[in-house]
Amino acid sequence: SRILKPILDFTAYQPEELYTQILRHDYTK
């Protein structure tokens, strides 16, 4: 159906954790 490229796996309980974890990857490339 789709070919996906996994980039992150993490645990997050709060919005701040989610925001910080998402920034671990460089999307600007």
Full PDB file with SEQRES, HELIX, SHEET, SSBOND, CRYST1, ORIGX, SCALE, CONECT and MASTER records, all heavy atoms in Angstrom:
SEQRES   1 A   29  SER ARG ILE LEU LYS PRO ILE LEU ASP PHE THR ALA TYR          
SEQRES   2 A   29  GLN PRO GLU GLU LEU TYR THR GLN ILE LEU ARG HIS ASP          
SEQRES   3 A   29  TYR THR LYS                                                  
HELIX    1 AA1 PRO A   15  ILE A   22  1                                   8    
CRYST1    1.000    1.000    1.000  90.00  90.00  90.00 P 1           1          
ORIGX1      1.000000  0.000000  0.000000        0.00000                         
ORIGX2      0.000000  1.000000  0.000000        0.00000                         
ORIGX3      0.000000  0.000000  1.000000        0.00000                         
SCALE1      1.000000  0.000000  0.000000        0.00000                         
SCALE2      0.000000  1.000000  0.000000        0.00000                         
SCALE3      0.000000  0.000000  1.000000        0.00000                         
ATOM      1  N   SER A   1       0.832  -1.207   0.000  1.00  0.00           N  
ATOM      2  CA  SER A   1       0.000   0.000   0.000  1.00  0.00           C  
ATOM      3  C   SER A   1       0.864   1.254   0.000  1.00  0.00           C  
ATOM      4  O   SER A   1       0.584   2.225  -0.691  1.00  0.00           O  
ATOM      5  CB  SER A   1      -0.920   0.017   1.224  1.00  0.00           C  
ATOM      6  OG  SER A   1      -1.767  -1.105   1.240  1.00  0.00           O  
ATOM      7  N   ARG A   2       1.927   1.224   0.811  1.00  0.00           N  
ATOM      8  CA  ARG A   2       2.888   2.330   0.891  1.00  0.00           C  
ATOM      9  C   ARG A   2       4.253   1.771   1.261  1.00  0.00           C  
ATOM     10  O   ARG A   2       4.353   0.724   1.886  1.00  0.00           O  
ATOM     11  CB  ARG A   2       2.489   3.353   1.966  1.00  0.00           C  
ATOM     12  CG  ARG A   2       1.220   4.107   1.704  1.00  0.00           C  
ATOM     13  CD  ARG A   2       0.937   5.138   2.781  1.00  0.00           C  
ATOM     14  NE  ARG A   2      -0.345   5.791   2.542  1.00  0.00           N  
ATOM     15  CZ  ARG A   2      -0.521   6.797   1.693  1.00  0.00           C  
ATOM     16  NH1 ARG A   2       0.517   7.280   1.037  1.00  0.00           N  
ATOM     17  NH2 ARG A   2      -1.717   7.330   1.506  1.00  0.00           N  
ATOM     18  N   ILE A   3       5.286   2.516   0.889  1.00  0.00           N  
ATOM     19  CA  ILE A   3       6.640   2.236   1.360  1.00  0.00           C  
ATOM     20  C   ILE A   3       7.021   3.381   2.299  1.00  0.00           C  
ATOM     21  O   ILE A   3       7.140   4.534   1.874  1.00  0.00           O  
ATOM     22  CB  ILE A   3       7.658   2.137   0.204  1.00  0.00           C  
ATOM     23  CG1 ILE A   3       7.173   1.142  -0.862  1.00  0.00           C  
ATOM     24  CG2 ILE A   3       9.028   1.734   0.755  1.00  0.00           C  
ATOM     25  CD1 ILE A   3       6.989  -0.283  -0.388  1.00  0.00           C  
ATOM     26  N   LEU A   4       7.163   3.049   3.567  1.00  0.00           N  
ATOM     27  CA  LEU A   4       7.484   4.041   4.596  1.00  0.00           C  
ATOM     28  C   LEU A   4       8.933   3.907   5.033  1.00  0.00           C  
ATOM     29  O   LEU A   4       9.504   2.810   4.998  1.00  0.00           O  
ATOM     30  CB  LEU A   4       6.573   3.874   5.813  1.00  0.00           C  
ATOM     31  CG  LEU A   4       5.061   3.974   5.565  1.00  0.00           C  
ATOM     32  CD1 LEU A   4       4.304   3.647   6.837  1.00  0.00           C  
ATOM     33  CD2 LEU A   4       4.686   5.359   5.063  1.00  0.00           C  
ATOM     34  N   LYS A   5       9.522   5.017   5.470  1.00  0.00           N  
ATOM     35  CA  LYS A   5      10.879   5.018   6.020  1.00  0.00           C  
ATOM     36  C   LYS A   5      10.772   5.343   7.515  1.00  0.00           C  
ATOM     37  O   LYS A   5      10.554   6.487   7.905  1.00  0.00           O  
ATOM     38  CB  LYS A   5      11.733   6.081   5.315  1.00  0.00           C  
ATOM     39  CG  LYS A   5      13.128   6.266   5.933  1.00  0.00           C  
ATOM     40  CD  LYS A   5      14.013   5.075   5.629  1.00  0.00           C  
ATOM     41  CE  LYS A   5      15.380   5.208   6.275  1.00  0.00           C  
ATOM     42  NZ  LYS A   5      15.360   5.013   7.746  1.00  0.00           N  
ATOM     43  N   PRO A   6      10.879   4.308   8.393  1.00  0.00           N  
ATOM     44  CA  PRO A   6      10.826   4.578   9.837  1.00  0.00           C  
ATOM     45  C   PRO A   6      11.993   5.471  10.262  1.00  0.00           C  
ATOM     46  O   PRO A   6      13.128   5.276   9.817  1.00  0.00           O  
ATOM     47  CB  PRO A   6      10.954   3.179  10.455  1.00  0.00           C  
ATOM     48  CG  PRO A   6      10.540   2.229   9.373  1.00  0.00           C  
ATOM     49  CD  PRO A   6      10.999   2.875   8.098  1.00  0.00           C  
ATOM     50  N   ILE A   7      11.688   6.461  11.121  1.00  0.00           N  
ATOM     51  CA  ILE A   7      12.750   7.383  11.544  1.00  0.00           C  
ATOM     52  C   ILE A   7      12.879   7.506  13.059  1.00  0.00           C  
ATOM     53  O   ILE A   7      13.958   7.814  13.559  1.00  0.00           O  
ATOM     54  CB  ILE A   7      12.560   8.798  10.934  1.00  0.00           C  
ATOM     55  CG1 ILE A   7      11.185   9.368  11.278  1.00  0.00           C  
ATOM     56  CG2 ILE A   7      12.766   8.757   9.423  1.00  0.00           C  
ATOM     57  CD1 ILE A   7      10.978  10.814  10.840  1.00  0.00           C  
ATOM     58  N   LEU A   8      11.791   7.270  13.809  1.00  0.00           N  
ATOM     59  CA  LEU A   8      11.852   7.438  15.266  1.00  0.00           C  
ATOM     60  C   LEU A   8      10.950   6.432  15.976  1.00  0.00           C  
ATOM     61  O   LEU A   8       9.854   6.117  15.487  1.00  0.00           O  
ATOM     62  CB  LEU A   8      11.396   8.850  15.672  1.00  0.00           C  
ATOM     63  CG  LEU A   8      12.302  10.047  15.365  1.00  0.00           C  
ATOM     64  CD1 LEU A   8      11.550  11.339  15.679  1.00  0.00           C  
ATOM     65  CD2 LEU A   8      13.607   9.970  16.154  1.00  0.00           C  
ATOM     66  N   ASP A   9      11.411   5.959  17.119  1.00  0.00           N  
ATOM     67  CA  ASP A   9      10.601   5.179  18.050  1.00  0.00           C  
ATOM     68  C   ASP A   9      10.863   5.726  19.442  1.00  0.00           C  
ATOM     69  O   ASP A   9      12.024   5.829  19.860  1.00  0.00           O  
ATOM     70  CB  ASP A   9      10.977   3.692  18.012  1.00  0.00           C  
ATOM     71  CG  ASP A   9      10.555   3.027  16.717  1.00  0.00           C  
ATOM     72  OD1 ASP A   9       9.346   2.922  16.482  1.00  0.00           O  
ATOM     73  OD2 ASP A   9      11.447   2.602  15.952  1.00  0.00           O  
ATOM     74  N   PHE A  10       9.808   6.073  20.154  1.00  0.00           N  
ATOM     75  CA  PHE A  10      10.011   6.624  21.503  1.00  0.00           C  
ATOM     76  C   PHE A  10       8.728   6.513  22.314  1.00  0.00           C  
ATOM     77  O   PHE A  10       7.638   6.268  21.771  1.00  0.00           O  
ATOM     78  CB  PHE A  10      10.452   8.089  21.425  1.00  0.00           C  
ATOM     79  CG  PHE A  10       9.507   8.997  20.682  1.00  0.00           C  
ATOM     80  CD1 PHE A  10       8.392   9.548  21.321  1.00  0.00           C  
ATOM     81  CD2 PHE A  10       9.718   9.308  19.339  1.00  0.00           C  
ATOM     82  CE1 PHE A  10       7.514  10.377  20.642  1.00  0.00           C  
ATOM     83  CE2 PHE A  10       8.838  10.140  18.654  1.00  0.00           C  
ATOM     84  CZ  PHE A  10       7.734  10.671  19.313  1.00  0.00           C  
ATOM     85  N   THR A  11       8.860   6.710  23.612  1.00  0.00           N  
ATOM     86  CA  THR A  11       7.718   6.756  24.519  1.00  0.00           C  
ATOM     87  C   THR A  11       7.480   8.196  24.942  1.00  0.00           C  
ATOM     88  O   THR A  11       8.424   8.927  25.239  1.00  0.00           O  
ATOM     89  CB  THR A  11       7.987   5.897  25.776  1.00  0.00           C  
ATOM     90  OG1 THR A  11       8.275   4.563  25.367  1.00  0.00           O  
ATOM     91  CG2 THR A  11       6.777   5.893  26.699  1.00  0.00           C  
ATOM     92  N   ALA A  12       6.217   8.621  24.941  1.00  0.00           N  
ATOM     93  CA  ALA A  12       5.876   9.981  25.369  1.00  0.00           C  
ATOM     94  C   ALA A  12       4.513   9.977  26.041  1.00  0.00           C  
ATOM     95  O   ALA A  12       3.569   9.359  25.529  1.00  0.00           O  
ATOM     96  CB  ALA A  12       5.883  10.940  24.183  1.00  0.00           C  
ATOM     97  N   TYR A  13       4.460  10.650  27.188  1.00  0.00           N  
ATOM     98  CA  TYR A  13       3.210  10.760  27.941  1.00  0.00           C  
ATOM     99  C   TYR A  13       2.654  12.178  27.930  1.00  0.00           C  
ATOM    100  O   TYR A  13       1.458  12.372  28.097  1.00  0.00           O  
ATOM    101  CB  TYR A  13       3.429  10.322  29.403  1.00  0.00           C  
ATOM    102  CG  TYR A  13       3.849   8.878  29.550  1.00  0.00           C  
ATOM    103  CD1 TYR A  13       5.196   8.524  29.553  1.00  0.00           C  
ATOM    104  CD2 TYR A  13       2.892   7.876  29.682  1.00  0.00           C  
ATOM    105  CE1 TYR A  13       5.584   7.203  29.684  1.00  0.00           C  
ATOM    106  CE2 TYR A  13       3.274   6.544  29.821  1.00  0.00           C  
ATOM    107  CZ  TYR A  13       4.627   6.208  29.819  1.00  0.00           C  
ATOM    108  OH  TYR A  13       5.003   4.902  29.952  1.00  0.00           O  
ATOM    109  N   GLN A  14       3.528  13.158  27.765  1.00  0.00           N  
ATOM    110  CA  GLN A  14       3.143  14.554  27.830  1.00  0.00           C  
ATOM    111  C   GLN A  14       3.482  15.270  26.518  1.00  0.00           C  
ATOM    112  O   GLN A  14       4.408  14.863  25.810  1.00  0.00           O  
ATOM    113  CB  GLN A  14       3.877  15.263  28.991  1.00  0.00           C  
ATOM    114  CG  GLN A  14       3.619  14.665  30.353  1.00  0.00           C  
ATOM    115  CD  GLN A  14       2.180  14.806  30.799  1.00  0.00           C  
ATOM    116  OE1 GLN A  14       1.462  15.707  30.346  1.00  0.00           O  
ATOM    117  NE2 GLN A  14       1.734  13.923  31.698  1.00  0.00           N  
ATOM    118  N   PRO A  15       2.757  16.347  26.199  1.00  0.00           N  
ATOM    119  CA  PRO A  15       3.026  17.101  24.964  1.00  0.00           C  
ATOM    120  C   PRO A  15       4.470  17.586  24.850  1.00  0.00           C  
ATOM    121  O   PRO A  15       5.054  17.555  23.757  1.00  0.00           O  
ATOM    122  CB  PRO A  15       2.056  18.281  25.054  1.00  0.00           C  
ATOM    123  CG  PRO A  15       0.946  17.787  25.924  1.00  0.00           C  
ATOM    124  CD  PRO A  15       1.571  16.870  26.914  1.00  0.00           C  
ATOM    125  N   GLU A  16       5.059  17.989  25.966  1.00  0.00           N  
ATOM    126  CA  GLU A  16       6.438  18.490  25.935  1.00  0.00           C  
ATOM    127  C   GLU A  16       7.412  17.371  25.548  1.00  0.00           C  
ATOM    128  O   GLU A  16       8.373  17.601  24.796  1.00  0.00           O  
ATOM    129  CB  GLU A  16       6.824  19.078  27.290  1.00  0.00           C  
ATOM    130  CG  GLU A  16       6.062  20.340  27.674  1.00  0.00           C  
ATOM    131  CD  GLU A  16       4.613  20.051  28.100  1.00  0.00           C  
ATOM    132  OE1 GLU A  16       4.312  18.873  28.462  1.00  0.00           O  
ATOM    133  OE2 GLU A  16       3.785  20.974  28.046  1.00  0.00           O  
ATOM    134  N   GLU A  17       7.165  16.169  26.080  1.00  0.00           N  
ATOM    135  CA  GLU A  17       8.005  15.017  25.701  1.00  0.00           C  
ATOM    136  C   GLU A  17       7.882  14.738  24.207  1.00  0.00           C  
ATOM    137  O   GLU A  17       8.873  14.478  23.520  1.00  0.00           O  
ATOM    138  CB  GLU A  17       7.565  13.763  26.468  1.00  0.00           C  
ATOM    139  CG  GLU A  17       7.861  13.731  27.941  1.00  0.00           C  
ATOM    140  CD  GLU A  17       7.325  12.445  28.539  1.00  0.00           C  
ATOM    141  OE1 GLU A  17       6.128  12.378  28.849  1.00  0.00           O  
ATOM    142  OE2 GLU A  17       8.127  11.494  28.690  1.00  0.00           O  
ATOM    143  N   LEU A  18       6.658  14.764  23.714  1.00  0.00           N  
ATOM    144  CA  LEU A  18       6.407  14.499  22.294  1.00  0.00           C  
ATOM    145  C   LEU A  18       7.154  15.509  21.432  1.00  0.00           C  
ATOM    146  O   LEU A  18       7.848  15.130  20.474  1.00  0.00           O  
ATOM    147  CB  LEU A  18       4.906  14.568  22.030  1.00  0.00           C  
ATOM    148  CG  LEU A  18       4.439  14.411  20.578  1.00  0.00           C  
ATOM    149  CD1 LEU A  18       4.836  13.051  20.021  1.00  0.00           C  
ATOM    150  CD2 LEU A  18       2.926  14.611  20.474  1.00  0.00           C  
ATOM    151  N   TYR A  19       7.036  16.788  21.757  1.00  0.00           N  
ATOM    152  CA  TYR A  19       7.691  17.854  21.001  1.00  0.00           C  
ATOM    153  C   TYR A  19       9.204  17.638  20.971  1.00  0.00           C  
ATOM    154  O   TYR A  19       9.837  17.690  19.900  1.00  0.00           O  
ATOM    155  CB  TYR A  19       7.354  19.203  21.652  1.00  0.00           C  
ATOM    156  CG  TYR A  19       7.938  20.404  20.955  1.00  0.00           C  
ATOM    157  CD1 TYR A  19       7.213  21.097  19.998  1.00  0.00           C  
ATOM    158  CD2 TYR A  19       9.221  20.865  21.272  1.00  0.00           C  
ATOM    159  CE1 TYR A  19       7.743  22.221  19.363  1.00  0.00           C  
ATOM    160  CE2 TYR A  19       9.756  21.978  20.638  1.00  0.00           C  
ATOM    161  CZ  TYR A  19       9.017  22.647  19.689  1.00  0.00           C  
ATOM    162  OH  TYR A  19       9.546  23.749  19.063  1.00  0.00           O  
ATOM    163  N   THR A  20       9.792  17.345  22.116  1.00  0.00           N  
ATOM    164  CA  THR A  20      11.249  17.160  22.213  1.00  0.00           C  
ATOM    165  C   THR A  20      11.714  15.940  21.430  1.00  0.00           C  
ATOM    166  O   THR A  20      12.738  15.978  20.731  1.00  0.00           O  
ATOM    167  CB  THR A  20      11.669  17.023  23.688  1.00  0.00           C  
ATOM    168  OG1 THR A  20      11.250  18.193  24.399  1.00  0.00           O  
ATOM    169  CG2 THR A  20      13.170  16.865  23.814  1.00  0.00           C  
ATOM    170  N   GLN A  21      10.961  14.848  21.535  1.00  0.00           N  
ATOM    171  CA  GLN A  21      11.341  13.612  20.840  1.00  0.00           C  
ATOM    172  C   GLN A  21      11.279  13.770  19.325  1.00  0.00           C  
ATOM    173  O   GLN A  21      12.143  13.266  18.599  1.00  0.00           O  
ATOM    174  CB  GLN A  21      10.434  12.460  21.295  1.00  0.00           C  
ATOM    175  CG  GLN A  21      10.641  12.015  22.727  1.00  0.00           C  
ATOM    176  CD  GLN A  21      11.901  11.182  22.903  1.00  0.00           C  
ATOM    177  OE1 GLN A  21      12.655  10.930  21.954  1.00  0.00           O  
ATOM    178  NE2 GLN A  21      12.148  10.734  24.127  1.00  0.00           N  
ATOM    179  N   ILE A  22      10.273  14.480  18.855  1.00  0.00           N  
ATOM    180  CA  ILE A  22      10.136  14.694  17.403  1.00  0.00           C  
ATOM    181  C   ILE A  22      11.348  15.440  16.853  1.00  0.00           C  
ATOM    182  O   ILE A  22      11.821  15.180  15.737  1.00  0.00           O  
ATOM    183  CB  ILE A  22       8.832  15.457  17.088  1.00  0.00           C  
ATOM    184  CG1 ILE A  22       7.619  14.551  17.328  1.00  0.00           C  
ATOM    185  CG2 ILE A  22       8.824  15.985  15.658  1.00  0.00           C  
ATOM    186  CD1 ILE A  22       7.506  13.356  16.388  1.00  0.00           C  
ATOM    187  N   LEU A  23      11.906  16.349  17.647  1.00  0.00           N  
ATOM    188  CA  LEU A  23      13.060  17.147  17.211  1.00  0.00           C  
ATOM    189  C   LEU A  23      14.357  16.352  17.126  1.00  0.00           C  
ATOM    190  O   LEU A  23      15.373  16.877  16.655  1.00  0.00           O  
ATOM    191  CB  LEU A  23      13.251  18.334  18.162  1.00  0.00           C  
ATOM    192  CG  LEU A  23      12.211  19.465  18.030  1.00  0.00           C  
ATOM    193  CD1 LEU A  23      12.423  20.511  19.114  1.00  0.00           C  
ATOM    194  CD2 LEU A  23      12.289  20.104  16.645  1.00  0.00           C  
ATOM    195  N   ARG A  24      14.344  15.100  17.558  1.00  0.00           N  
ATOM    196  CA  ARG A  24      15.559  14.277  17.459  1.00  0.00           C  
ATOM    197  C   ARG A  24      15.932  13.987  16.014  1.00  0.00           C  
ATOM    198  O   ARG A  24      17.066  13.588  15.727  1.00  0.00           O  
ATOM    199  CB  ARG A  24      15.370  12.949  18.215  1.00  0.00           C  
ATOM    200  CG  ARG A  24      15.422  13.081  19.739  1.00  0.00           C  
ATOM    201  CD  ARG A  24      14.974  11.785  20.427  1.00  0.00           C  
ATOM    202  NE  ARG A  24      15.557  10.609  19.782  1.00  0.00           N  
ATOM    203  CZ  ARG A  24      14.980   9.398  19.732  1.00  0.00           C  
ATOM    204  NH1 ARG A  24      13.795   9.223  20.275  1.00  0.00           N  
ATOM    205  NH2 ARG A  24      15.575   8.403  19.131  1.00  0.00           N  
ATOM    206  N   HIS A  25      14.997  14.120  15.106  1.00  0.00           N  
ATOM    207  CA  HIS A  25      15.265  13.833  13.686  1.00  0.00           C  
ATOM    208  C   HIS A  25      15.352  15.136  12.898  1.00  0.00           C  
ATOM    209  O   HIS A  25      14.642  16.097  13.183  1.00  0.00           O  
ATOM    210  CB  HIS A  25      14.158  12.948  13.105  1.00  0.00           C  
ATOM    211  CG  HIS A  25      14.465  12.422  11.742  1.00  0.00           C  
ATOM    212  ND1 HIS A  25      15.331  11.378  11.519  1.00  0.00           N  
ATOM    213  CD2 HIS A  25      14.028  12.821  10.518  1.00  0.00           C  
ATOM    214  CE1 HIS A  25      15.406  11.139  10.221  1.00  0.00           C  
ATOM    215  NE2 HIS A  25      14.636  12.000   9.585  1.00  0.00           N  
ATOM    216  N   ASP A  26      16.218  15.154  11.877  1.00  0.00           N  
ATOM    217  CA  ASP A  26      16.393  16.337  11.032  1.00  0.00           C  
ATOM    218  C   ASP A  26      15.495  16.241   9.805  1.00  0.00           C  
ATOM    219  O   ASP A  26      15.767  15.478   8.873  1.00  0.00           O  
ATOM    220  CB  ASP A  26      17.860  16.460  10.606  1.00  0.00           C  
ATOM    221  CG  ASP A  26      18.108  17.680   9.719  1.00  0.00           C  
ATOM    222  OD1 ASP A  26      17.201  18.539   9.623  1.00  0.00           O  
ATOM    223  OD2 ASP A  26      19.204  17.766   9.129  1.00  0.00           O  
ATOM    224  N   TYR A  27      14.405  16.991   9.796  1.00  0.00           N  
ATOM    225  CA  TYR A  27      13.465  16.975   8.681  1.00  0.00           C  
ATOM    226  C   TYR A  27      13.891  17.917   7.560  1.00  0.00           C  
ATOM    227  O   TYR A  27      13.390  17.822   6.435  1.00  0.00           O  
ATOM    228  CB  TYR A  27      12.058  17.360   9.180  1.00  0.00           C  
ATOM    229  CG  TYR A  27      11.601  16.478  10.305  1.00  0.00           C  
ATOM    230  CD1 TYR A  27      11.863  16.833  11.630  1.00  0.00           C  
ATOM    231  CD2 TYR A  27      10.959  15.270  10.068  1.00  0.00           C  
ATOM    232  CE1 TYR A  27      11.484  16.014  12.683  1.00  0.00           C  
ATOM    233  CE2 TYR A  27      10.580  14.441  11.118  1.00  0.00           C  
ATOM    234  CZ  TYR A  27      10.857  14.820  12.419  1.00  0.00           C  
ATOM    235  OH  TYR A  27      10.502  13.992  13.446  1.00  0.00           O  
ATOM    236  N   THR A  28      14.820  18.804   7.867  1.00  0.00           N  
ATOM    237  CA  THR A  28      15.238  19.793   6.872  1.00  0.00           C  
ATOM    238  C   THR A  28      16.080  19.184   5.755  1.00  0.00           C  
ATOM    239  O   THR A  28      16.325  19.839   4.750  1.00  0.00           O  
ATOM    240  CB  THR A  28      16.046  20.930   7.531  1.00  0.00           C  
ATOM    241  OG1 THR A  28      17.288  20.414   8.034  1.00  0.00           O  
ATOM    242  CG2 THR A  28      15.263  21.564   8.664  1.00  0.00           C  
ATOM    243  N   LYS A  29      16.499  17.917   5.927  1.00  0.00           N  
ATOM    244  CA  LYS A  29      17.310  17.293   4.883  1.00  0.00           C  
ATOM    245  C   LYS A  29      16.460  16.753   3.728  1.00  0.00           C  
ATOM    246  O   LYS A  29      16.994  16.355   2.690  1.00  0.00           O  
ATOM    247  CB  LYS A  29      18.162  16.169   5.464  1.00  0.00           C  
ATOM    248  CG  LYS A  29      17.382  14.988   6.023  1.00  0.00           C  
ATOM    249  CD  LYS A  29      18.330  13.981   6.664  1.00  0.00           C  
ATOM    250  CE  LYS A  29      17.595  12.791   7.255  1.00  0.00           C  
ATOM    251  NZ  LYS A  29      18.513  11.841   7.912  1.00  0.00           N  
TER     252      LYS A  29                                                      
MASTER        0    0    0    1    0    0    0    6  251    1    0    3          
END                                                                             
